[in-house]
N, C-alpha and C. Protein backbone atom coordinates (compact mmCIF):
# COMPACT_ATOMS: atom_id res chain seq x y z
N MET A 1 -40.47 26.94 53.18
CA MET A 1 -41.25 27.75 54.22
C MET A 1 -40.59 27.73 55.53
N SER A 2 -40.55 28.44 56.57
CA SER A 2 -40.21 27.65 57.68
C SER A 2 -41.64 27.08 58.26
N ARG A 3 -41.11 26.19 59.35
CA ARG A 3 -42.58 25.47 59.99
C ARG A 3 -43.49 26.42 60.84
N LYS A 4 -42.75 27.54 61.16
CA LYS A 4 -44.37 28.18 61.57
C LYS A 4 -44.74 29.18 60.52
N ASN A 5 -44.36 29.35 59.84
CA ASN A 5 -44.99 30.07 58.60
C ASN A 5 -46.06 28.57 57.85
N ARG A 6 -45.58 27.89 57.78
CA ARG A 6 -46.86 26.82 57.06
C ARG A 6 -47.32 26.42 57.90
N LEU A 7 -47.55 26.39 59.77
CA LEU A 7 -48.63 26.28 60.43
C LEU A 7 -49.19 27.30 60.07
N LYS A 8 -49.06 28.40 59.80
CA LYS A 8 -50.30 29.76 60.13
C LYS A 8 -50.59 29.56 59.11
N GLU A 9 -50.16 28.75 57.53
CA GLU A 9 -51.49 29.14 55.94
C GLU A 9 -51.20 27.93 57.04
N SER A 10 -51.08 27.14 57.16
CA SER A 10 -52.37 25.98 56.98
C SER A 10 -53.67 25.97 58.00
N ALA A 11 -53.57 27.06 58.74
CA ALA A 11 -53.92 27.22 59.89
C ALA A 11 -55.11 28.06 59.44
N TYR A 12 -54.85 28.33 58.64
CA TYR A 12 -55.52 30.00 57.94
C TYR A 12 -56.42 29.65 56.53
N ASN A 13 -56.01 28.09 55.94
CA ASN A 13 -56.05 27.44 54.81
C ASN A 13 -58.05 26.67 55.48
N ILE A 14 -57.24 26.11 56.81
CA ILE A 14 -58.50 24.89 57.49
C ILE A 14 -59.69 26.51 57.40
N SER A 15 -59.78 26.99 57.82
CA SER A 15 -60.61 27.37 58.41
C SER A 15 -61.39 28.06 57.32
N ASN A 16 -61.22 27.91 55.80
CA ASN A 16 -61.35 28.65 54.47
C ASN A 16 -61.66 26.97 54.28
N TYR A 17 -61.19 26.16 54.34
CA TYR A 17 -61.55 25.00 53.61
C TYR A 17 -62.64 24.81 54.28
N LEU A 18 -62.89 24.79 55.99
CA LEU A 18 -64.83 24.58 56.80
C LEU A 18 -65.38 25.13 56.33
N LYS A 19 -65.07 26.44 55.67
CA LYS A 19 -66.47 27.30 55.22
C LYS A 19 -66.91 27.01 54.24
N ASP A 20 -65.68 26.63 53.22
CA ASP A 20 -66.09 26.23 51.77
C ASP A 20 -66.42 24.84 51.76
N GLU A 21 -66.52 23.84 52.96
CA GLU A 21 -66.71 22.46 52.44
C GLU A 21 -65.77 21.74 51.71
N LEU A 22 -64.78 22.13 51.40
CA LEU A 22 -63.62 21.53 52.15
C LEU A 22 -63.78 20.78 52.32
N LEU A 23 -63.37 20.93 53.41
CA LEU A 23 -63.03 19.90 54.42
C LEU A 23 -64.80 19.87 55.26
N CYS A 24 -65.38 19.19 55.67
CA CYS A 24 -66.33 18.38 56.70
C CYS A 24 -66.31 18.03 57.97
N LYS A 25 -66.33 18.98 59.03
CA LYS A 25 -66.97 17.85 60.28
C LYS A 25 -67.57 17.06 60.64
N GLN A 26 -67.30 16.11 59.92
CA GLN A 26 -68.64 14.73 60.21
C GLN A 26 -68.14 13.65 60.98
N LYS A 27 -68.84 12.32 61.71
CA LYS A 27 -68.39 11.17 61.84
C LYS A 27 -68.17 10.45 60.96
N CYS A 28 -66.96 9.32 61.20
CA CYS A 28 -65.97 8.93 60.32
C CYS A 28 -67.41 7.35 60.26
N LYS A 29 -67.23 7.21 58.96
CA LYS A 29 -68.34 6.05 58.81
C LYS A 29 -66.99 5.22 58.67
N LYS A 30 -67.44 4.15 59.80
CA LYS A 30 -66.53 2.45 59.73
C LYS A 30 -66.54 1.48 57.84
N ILE A 31 -66.98 2.44 57.15
CA ILE A 31 -66.45 1.65 55.80
C ILE A 31 -65.73 2.69 55.08
N VAL A 32 -66.25 3.92 55.88
CA VAL A 32 -65.05 4.66 54.71
C VAL A 32 -63.61 4.81 56.25
N PHE A 33 -63.67 4.54 56.50
CA PHE A 33 -62.11 4.34 57.58
C PHE A 33 -61.09 3.29 57.37
N ASP A 34 -62.04 1.61 57.15
CA ASP A 34 -61.96 0.92 56.74
C ASP A 34 -61.10 1.10 54.91
N THR A 35 -61.71 1.54 54.50
CA THR A 35 -61.52 1.72 52.82
C THR A 35 -59.96 2.03 52.69
N TYR A 36 -60.15 3.64 53.41
CA TYR A 36 -58.38 4.21 53.33
C TYR A 36 -58.18 3.22 54.35
N LEU A 37 -57.81 2.89 55.53
CA LEU A 37 -56.75 1.39 55.95
C LEU A 37 -56.35 0.53 55.05
N ASN A 38 -57.45 -0.16 54.00
CA ASN A 38 -56.91 -1.84 53.40
C ASN A 38 -56.70 -0.95 52.17
N ASN A 39 -57.06 0.53 51.36
CA ASN A 39 -55.75 1.07 50.34
C ASN A 39 -54.30 1.81 50.59
N HIS A 40 -54.02 1.60 51.97
CA HIS A 40 -52.69 1.89 52.67
C HIS A 40 -52.40 0.82 52.58
N LYS A 41 -53.49 -0.17 53.24
CA LYS A 41 -52.64 -1.55 53.65
C LYS A 41 -52.30 -2.06 52.38
N GLU A 42 -52.89 -2.13 50.89
CA GLU A 42 -52.99 -2.58 49.63
C GLU A 42 -51.89 -2.03 49.08
N SER A 43 -51.22 -0.66 49.19
CA SER A 43 -50.43 0.05 48.94
C SER A 43 -49.30 -0.09 48.97
N LEU A 44 -49.48 -0.47 50.38
CA LEU A 44 -47.28 -1.66 50.87
C LEU A 44 -47.26 -2.84 50.22
N GLU A 45 -48.17 -3.38 50.34
CA GLU A 45 -47.79 -4.37 49.60
C GLU A 45 -47.22 -4.30 48.13
N VAL A 46 -48.31 -3.75 47.44
CA VAL A 46 -47.78 -3.49 46.27
C VAL A 46 -46.12 -2.69 46.47
N LEU A 47 -46.02 -2.38 46.97
CA LEU A 47 -44.67 -0.99 47.25
C LEU A 47 -43.65 -2.04 47.45
N ASP A 48 -44.42 -3.62 48.91
CA ASP A 48 -43.41 -4.13 48.75
C ASP A 48 -41.86 -4.92 48.13
N MET A 49 -43.37 -5.09 46.85
CA MET A 49 -43.24 -6.10 45.50
C MET A 49 -42.11 -5.19 44.78
N LEU A 50 -42.23 -3.79 44.15
CA LEU A 50 -42.14 -3.38 43.32
C LEU A 50 -40.45 -2.65 44.42
N VAL A 51 -40.58 -2.51 45.73
CA VAL A 51 -38.50 -2.68 45.94
C VAL A 51 -38.71 -3.79 46.02
N MET A 52 -39.11 -5.10 46.48
CA MET A 52 -38.25 -6.23 45.82
C MET A 52 -37.96 -6.16 44.85
N HIS A 53 -38.39 -5.78 43.90
CA HIS A 53 -38.22 -6.63 42.34
C HIS A 53 -37.38 -5.49 41.23
N LYS A 54 -37.58 -4.27 42.44
CA LYS A 54 -36.10 -2.85 41.80
C LYS A 54 -36.85 -2.09 40.69
N LYS A 55 -38.50 -2.30 40.75
CA LYS A 55 -39.56 -2.03 39.65
C LYS A 55 -39.45 -0.25 39.49
N SER A 56 -39.40 0.27 38.91
CA SER A 56 -40.79 1.54 38.52
C SER A 56 -39.93 2.70 40.06
N PHE A 57 -38.89 3.02 39.57
CA PHE A 57 -38.97 3.95 40.89
C PHE A 57 -40.00 5.40 40.93
N LEU A 58 -40.07 5.45 39.91
CA LEU A 58 -41.57 6.53 39.95
C LEU A 58 -42.63 6.14 40.26
N TRP A 59 -43.03 4.89 40.18
CA TRP A 59 -44.18 4.34 41.15
C TRP A 59 -44.08 4.14 42.52
N ILE A 60 -42.44 3.82 43.10
CA ILE A 60 -42.48 3.01 44.25
C ILE A 60 -42.85 5.11 45.37
N ILE A 61 -42.03 6.34 44.48
CA ILE A 61 -42.19 7.36 45.05
C ILE A 61 -44.19 7.48 44.76
N VAL A 62 -44.89 7.64 43.85
CA VAL A 62 -45.84 7.48 43.83
C VAL A 62 -46.83 6.74 44.86
N ILE A 63 -46.89 5.22 44.71
CA ILE A 63 -47.34 5.10 46.01
C ILE A 63 -46.96 4.76 47.88
N CYS A 64 -45.41 5.30 47.46
CA CYS A 64 -45.08 5.67 48.77
C CYS A 64 -46.33 6.91 49.28
N TYR A 65 -46.15 8.11 47.95
CA TYR A 65 -47.24 8.99 48.97
C TYR A 65 -48.73 8.62 49.29
N TYR A 66 -49.03 7.01 47.95
CA TYR A 66 -50.48 7.59 48.21
C TYR A 66 -50.67 6.60 50.01
N SER A 67 -49.59 5.80 49.93
CA SER A 67 -49.92 4.94 51.58
C SER A 67 -50.31 5.92 52.80
N MET A 68 -49.26 6.55 51.95
CA MET A 68 -49.24 8.31 53.95
C MET A 68 -50.49 9.09 53.13
N PHE A 69 -51.10 8.92 52.19
CA PHE A 69 -52.44 9.88 52.56
C PHE A 69 -53.07 8.63 52.39
N TYR A 70 -53.26 7.79 51.95
CA TYR A 70 -54.40 7.22 52.73
C TYR A 70 -54.67 6.75 54.34
N LEU A 71 -53.43 6.85 54.64
CA LEU A 71 -53.36 6.76 56.33
C LEU A 71 -54.12 7.71 57.27
N ALA A 72 -53.06 9.15 56.08
CA ALA A 72 -53.51 10.39 56.63
C ALA A 72 -55.03 10.80 56.95
N ASN A 73 -55.31 10.02 55.66
CA ASN A 73 -57.71 10.59 55.59
C ASN A 73 -57.91 9.49 56.70
N ALA A 74 -57.65 8.13 56.66
CA ALA A 74 -58.51 7.22 57.40
C ALA A 74 -57.78 8.01 59.49
N LEU A 75 -57.18 8.51 59.35
CA LEU A 75 -57.30 9.16 60.92
C LEU A 75 -57.93 10.55 60.44
N LEU A 76 -57.68 11.50 59.92
CA LEU A 76 -58.34 12.63 59.92
C LEU A 76 -59.75 11.98 59.90
N CYS A 77 -60.46 10.77 59.62
CA CYS A 77 -62.01 10.63 59.50
C CYS A 77 -61.72 9.83 60.95
N LYS A 78 -61.27 9.21 61.74
CA LYS A 78 -61.14 8.67 63.37
C LYS A 78 -60.60 10.11 64.15
N LEU A 79 -61.03 10.77 63.30
CA LEU A 79 -60.56 12.70 64.68
C LEU A 79 -61.83 13.21 64.33
N GLY A 80 -63.05 12.53 63.49
CA GLY A 80 -64.30 13.28 62.56
C GLY A 80 -63.90 14.06 61.45
N TYR A 81 -63.57 14.38 60.31
CA TYR A 81 -62.80 14.97 59.34
C TYR A 81 -62.97 13.96 58.50
N LYS A 82 -63.85 14.80 57.21
CA LYS A 82 -63.78 14.29 55.87
C LYS A 82 -63.59 15.46 54.59
N VAL A 83 -62.11 14.87 54.43
CA VAL A 83 -62.17 15.71 52.69
C VAL A 83 -62.83 15.75 51.74
N GLY A 84 -62.84 16.83 50.71
CA GLY A 84 -64.12 16.97 50.07
C GLY A 84 -63.78 16.07 48.84
N ASP A 85 -64.20 16.79 47.50
CA ASP A 85 -63.48 16.36 46.68
C ASP A 85 -62.17 17.04 45.68
N LYS A 86 -62.18 18.40 46.07
CA LYS A 86 -61.49 19.16 45.26
C LYS A 86 -60.89 19.55 46.04
N LEU A 87 -59.23 19.58 45.80
CA LEU A 87 -57.98 19.99 46.39
C LEU A 87 -57.58 19.02 47.83
N VAL A 88 -58.07 17.78 47.20
CA VAL A 88 -57.62 16.45 48.46
C VAL A 88 -56.48 16.51 48.87
N HIS A 89 -55.28 16.57 48.36
CA HIS A 89 -53.83 16.83 48.39
C HIS A 89 -54.06 17.61 49.42
N LYS A 90 -53.86 18.61 49.17
CA LYS A 90 -53.61 20.48 50.03
C LYS A 90 -54.73 20.04 51.04
N VAL A 91 -55.38 19.72 50.78
CA VAL A 91 -56.46 20.03 52.34
C VAL A 91 -56.20 18.55 53.09
N THR A 92 -55.74 17.87 52.45
CA THR A 92 -55.23 16.85 53.34
C THR A 92 -54.38 16.70 54.36
N ALA A 93 -53.22 17.39 53.54
CA ALA A 93 -51.63 17.95 53.64
C ALA A 93 -51.93 19.03 54.84
N ASP A 94 -53.07 20.33 54.88
CA ASP A 94 -52.97 21.42 55.53
C ASP A 94 -53.59 20.95 56.96
N ALA A 95 -55.16 19.82 56.49
CA ALA A 95 -55.75 19.53 58.03
C ALA A 95 -54.68 18.40 58.73
N LEU A 96 -53.67 17.53 58.30
CA LEU A 96 -52.50 17.22 58.57
C LEU A 96 -51.45 17.95 59.94
N LEU A 97 -51.56 18.29 59.48
CA LEU A 97 -50.50 19.58 60.04
C LEU A 97 -51.13 20.27 60.92
N SER A 98 -52.24 21.05 60.70
CA SER A 98 -52.98 21.98 61.52
C SER A 98 -53.66 20.99 62.55
N LEU A 99 -54.63 20.58 61.99
CA LEU A 99 -55.31 19.39 62.89
C LEU A 99 -54.77 18.17 63.73
N VAL A 100 -53.97 17.56 63.44
CA VAL A 100 -53.60 16.11 63.59
C VAL A 100 -52.03 16.06 64.70
N GLY A 101 -51.39 17.48 64.12
CA GLY A 101 -49.93 17.81 64.75
C GLY A 101 -49.68 18.08 65.78
N ASP A 102 -50.50 18.41 66.51
CA ASP A 102 -49.79 18.74 68.01
C ASP A 102 -50.51 17.73 68.47
N LYS A 103 -51.83 16.92 68.46
CA LYS A 103 -52.35 15.73 69.19
C LYS A 103 -50.94 14.55 68.79
N LEU A 104 -50.69 14.31 67.31
CA LEU A 104 -49.19 13.31 67.16
C LEU A 104 -48.34 13.40 68.08
N THR A 105 -47.90 15.25 67.85
CA THR A 105 -46.88 15.18 69.18
C THR A 105 -47.47 14.33 70.95
N HIS A 106 -48.08 15.50 71.03
CA HIS A 106 -48.39 15.18 72.34
C HIS A 106 -48.55 13.44 72.94
N PHE A 107 -49.29 12.77 71.33
CA PHE A 107 -49.15 11.45 71.99
C PHE A 107 -47.99 10.73 71.86
N MET A 108 -47.26 11.10 70.89
CA MET A 108 -45.47 10.28 71.05
C MET A 108 -44.47 11.02 72.08
N ILE A 109 -44.98 11.83 72.40
CA ILE A 109 -44.13 12.15 73.91
C ILE A 109 -44.47 10.99 74.75
N ASN A 110 -45.92 10.87 74.96
CA ASN A 110 -46.59 10.20 76.19
C ASN A 110 -45.87 8.76 75.92
N GLU A 111 -45.61 8.18 74.24
CA GLU A 111 -45.43 6.97 74.29
C GLU A 111 -43.71 6.75 74.45
N TYR A 112 -42.95 7.84 74.24
CA TYR A 112 -41.72 7.95 73.74
C TYR A 112 -41.52 9.03 75.60
N LYS A 113 -41.91 9.06 76.84
CA LYS A 113 -41.28 10.11 77.78
C LYS A 113 -40.22 9.85 78.15
N THR A 114 -39.17 8.80 77.87
CA THR A 114 -38.12 9.47 77.86
C THR A 114 -36.90 9.70 76.75
N ALA A 115 -37.88 10.00 75.80
CA ALA A 115 -36.86 10.52 74.81
C ALA A 115 -37.51 12.16 74.34
N TYR A 116 -38.29 12.55 74.61
CA TYR A 116 -39.17 14.08 74.49
C TYR A 116 -38.52 14.77 73.13
N GLU A 117 -37.22 14.57 73.03
CA GLU A 117 -36.89 15.71 72.03
C GLU A 117 -36.96 14.54 70.78
N GLU A 118 -37.00 13.61 70.76
CA GLU A 118 -36.70 12.47 69.75
C GLU A 118 -38.39 12.43 69.27
N ALA A 119 -38.97 12.65 70.41
CA ALA A 119 -40.77 12.52 69.90
C ALA A 119 -41.31 13.81 68.88
N MET A 120 -40.57 14.92 69.76
CA MET A 120 -41.23 15.83 68.82
C MET A 120 -40.07 15.63 67.19
N ALA A 121 -38.90 15.87 67.09
CA ALA A 121 -38.32 15.52 65.84
C ALA A 121 -39.20 14.72 64.96
N ILE A 122 -39.52 13.35 65.27
CA ILE A 122 -40.57 11.95 65.06
C ILE A 122 -41.85 12.42 64.32
N SER A 123 -42.58 13.14 65.36
CA SER A 123 -44.03 13.74 64.98
C SER A 123 -43.73 14.53 64.10
N ASP A 124 -42.52 15.53 64.25
CA ASP A 124 -43.08 16.54 63.06
C ASP A 124 -41.98 16.28 61.96
N ASN A 125 -41.01 15.16 61.62
CA ASN A 125 -40.56 14.62 60.72
C ASN A 125 -41.91 14.02 59.95
N LEU A 126 -43.05 13.13 60.81
CA LEU A 126 -43.98 12.59 59.79
C LEU A 126 -45.12 14.12 59.33
N VAL A 127 -44.99 14.46 59.97
CA VAL A 127 -46.13 15.23 59.09
C VAL A 127 -45.60 16.08 58.05
N GLN A 128 -44.60 16.45 57.83
CA GLN A 128 -43.51 17.22 57.21
C GLN A 128 -43.03 16.03 55.78
N SER A 129 -42.67 14.47 56.29
CA SER A 129 -42.37 13.89 55.17
C SER A 129 -43.70 13.96 54.36
N PHE A 130 -44.88 14.09 54.89
CA PHE A 130 -46.63 13.93 54.05
C PHE A 130 -46.15 14.92 53.21
N ASP A 131 -46.23 16.32 53.29
CA ASP A 131 -45.88 17.04 52.73
C ASP A 131 -44.42 16.65 51.60
N PHE A 132 -43.48 16.67 51.85
CA PHE A 132 -42.72 16.05 51.21
C PHE A 132 -43.15 15.33 49.95
N GLU A 133 -43.10 14.57 50.26
CA GLU A 133 -43.82 13.26 49.31
C GLU A 133 -44.85 14.10 48.08
N ARG A 134 -45.89 14.23 48.82
CA ARG A 134 -46.94 14.84 48.19
C ARG A 134 -45.87 16.26 47.09
N LEU A 135 -44.88 16.91 47.21
CA LEU A 135 -44.76 17.79 46.57
C LEU A 135 -43.94 16.96 45.66
N LYS A 136 -42.54 16.28 46.06
CA LYS A 136 -41.66 15.00 45.32
C LYS A 136 -42.37 14.17 44.28
N ARG A 137 -44.09 13.74 45.00
CA ARG A 137 -44.64 12.63 43.89
C ARG A 137 -44.92 13.57 42.60
N ALA A 138 -45.55 14.91 42.69
CA ALA A 138 -45.74 15.96 42.25
C ALA A 138 -45.00 16.04 40.49
N ARG A 139 -43.87 15.85 41.52
CA ARG A 139 -42.67 16.92 40.81
C ARG A 139 -42.40 16.00 39.82
N PHE A 140 -42.08 14.46 40.82
CA PHE A 140 -41.05 13.53 40.11
C PHE A 140 -41.86 12.70 39.09
N GLN A 141 -42.80 12.74 39.31
CA GLN A 141 -43.74 11.90 38.50
C GLN A 141 -44.14 12.15 36.96
N TYR A 142 -43.71 13.63 37.28
CA TYR A 142 -43.78 14.54 35.78
C TYR A 142 -42.36 15.26 35.14
N GLU A 143 -41.29 15.54 35.42
CA GLU A 143 -40.71 15.65 35.44
C GLU A 143 -39.39 15.29 35.46
N THR A 144 -38.75 14.18 35.71
CA THR A 144 -37.34 13.55 36.40
C THR A 144 -37.28 12.57 35.24
N THR A 145 -35.97 12.32 35.20
CA THR A 145 -34.95 10.96 35.25
C THR A 145 -35.51 9.85 35.79
N GLU A 146 -34.39 8.90 34.94
CA GLU A 146 -35.34 7.84 35.97
C GLU A 146 -33.88 7.50 36.87
N GLU A 147 -32.44 8.17 36.90
CA GLU A 147 -31.72 8.04 37.49
C GLU A 147 -32.13 8.70 39.18
N ILE A 148 -32.47 9.84 38.87
CA ILE A 148 -33.02 10.90 39.75
C ILE A 148 -33.92 10.41 40.83
N LYS A 149 -35.14 9.47 39.90
CA LYS A 149 -36.35 8.97 40.71
C LYS A 149 -35.30 7.60 41.25
N ALA A 150 -34.51 6.91 41.23
CA ALA A 150 -33.96 5.84 41.83
C ALA A 150 -33.15 6.51 42.69
N SER A 151 -32.47 7.36 42.68
CA SER A 151 -32.14 7.80 43.78
C SER A 151 -33.26 8.49 45.53
N LYS A 152 -34.25 9.38 45.04
CA LYS A 152 -34.84 9.16 45.92
C LYS A 152 -35.82 8.26 46.31
N ALA A 153 -36.15 7.13 44.98
CA ALA A 153 -37.44 6.02 45.70
C ALA A 153 -36.69 5.10 47.23
N LYS A 154 -35.45 5.19 47.71
CA LYS A 154 -35.34 4.53 49.10
C LYS A 154 -35.80 5.85 49.76
N THR A 155 -35.51 7.16 50.00
CA THR A 155 -36.51 7.54 50.95
C THR A 155 -37.62 7.58 50.68
N SER A 156 -38.55 7.98 49.85
CA SER A 156 -39.71 7.74 49.63
C SER A 156 -40.39 6.54 50.33
N PHE A 157 -39.58 5.34 50.26
CA PHE A 157 -39.71 4.17 51.06
C PHE A 157 -39.75 3.86 52.15
N GLU A 158 -38.91 4.76 53.02
CA GLU A 158 -38.36 4.62 54.35
C GLU A 158 -39.17 5.34 54.34
N ARG A 159 -39.76 6.82 54.32
CA ARG A 159 -40.64 7.14 55.12
C ARG A 159 -42.02 6.42 54.59
N ALA A 160 -42.58 6.58 54.01
CA ALA A 160 -43.70 6.18 54.26
C ALA A 160 -43.77 4.59 55.07
N LYS A 161 -42.67 3.71 55.54
CA LYS A 161 -42.84 2.78 56.88
C LYS A 161 -42.94 3.37 57.37
N ARG A 162 -42.36 4.42 58.20
CA ARG A 162 -42.14 4.90 58.90
C ARG A 162 -43.67 5.61 59.45
N PHE A 163 -44.09 6.49 58.79
CA PHE A 163 -45.46 7.13 58.37
C PHE A 163 -46.70 5.78 59.14
N SER A 164 -46.36 4.93 58.59
CA SER A 164 -47.91 3.76 58.93
C SER A 164 -47.37 3.28 60.30
N LEU A 165 -46.17 2.59 60.27
CA LEU A 165 -46.10 2.63 61.95
C LEU A 165 -46.40 3.39 62.68
N GLU A 166 -46.03 4.93 62.29
CA GLU A 166 -46.42 5.91 63.49
C GLU A 166 -47.80 6.33 63.81
N ILE A 167 -48.55 6.51 62.63
CA ILE A 167 -49.93 6.85 62.16
C ILE A 167 -50.33 5.59 62.82
N THR A 168 -50.09 4.63 62.46
CA THR A 168 -51.30 3.52 62.55
C THR A 168 -51.15 2.84 64.27
N LYS A 169 -49.44 3.47 64.81
CA LYS A 169 -50.34 3.52 66.31
C LYS A 169 -50.70 3.83 67.25
N PHE A 170 -50.69 5.68 66.49
CA PHE A 170 -52.01 6.97 66.81
C PHE A 170 -52.71 6.50 66.62
N ILE A 171 -53.64 6.11 65.38
CA ILE A 171 -54.78 5.35 65.53
C ILE A 171 -55.37 4.58 66.21
N ASP A 172 -54.40 3.22 66.31
CA ASP A 172 -54.52 2.54 67.05
C ASP A 172 -55.16 2.68 68.64
N SER A 173 -54.51 3.90 68.84
CA SER A 173 -54.77 4.30 70.41
C SER A 173 -56.14 4.60 70.69
N PHE A 174 -57.60 5.74 69.80
CA PHE A 174 -58.51 5.93 70.09
C PHE A 174 -59.42 4.73 70.62
């Protein structure tokens, strides 16, 4: 799906999520925000151990995704949104794209004024990386051989680290 169509789809979905209370506009509770950040950090610590010991490519991919998922929800919380209890992964992906994408792009542009094109690509890639990892996690968790998992685990690890670095800087800017 093209980026333009994905943006349209996510914007449409967000209006429905808000109406159906799958996504709520509400003040972020510190304990919720801190829990998301702690889960993100713990995921990265476990991820480092798995990568260092070359253990379970499946779980490297799964934990990469979840480290990004927790940080994405911390960011949504910081922006005053709470994802409900249903369709949480899809709602998070759509909210990240619709509610954060442009803000993240502007933040990255300001941070990287001398590299405008690079900032656009990085911010687009961060949002796309989350969606790619969400889809890959589902596919790989249930349908893939160890050889294929091994070849994809490195990409997942690099995406999760980059996502963590950039989104953490973005959150800290508030």
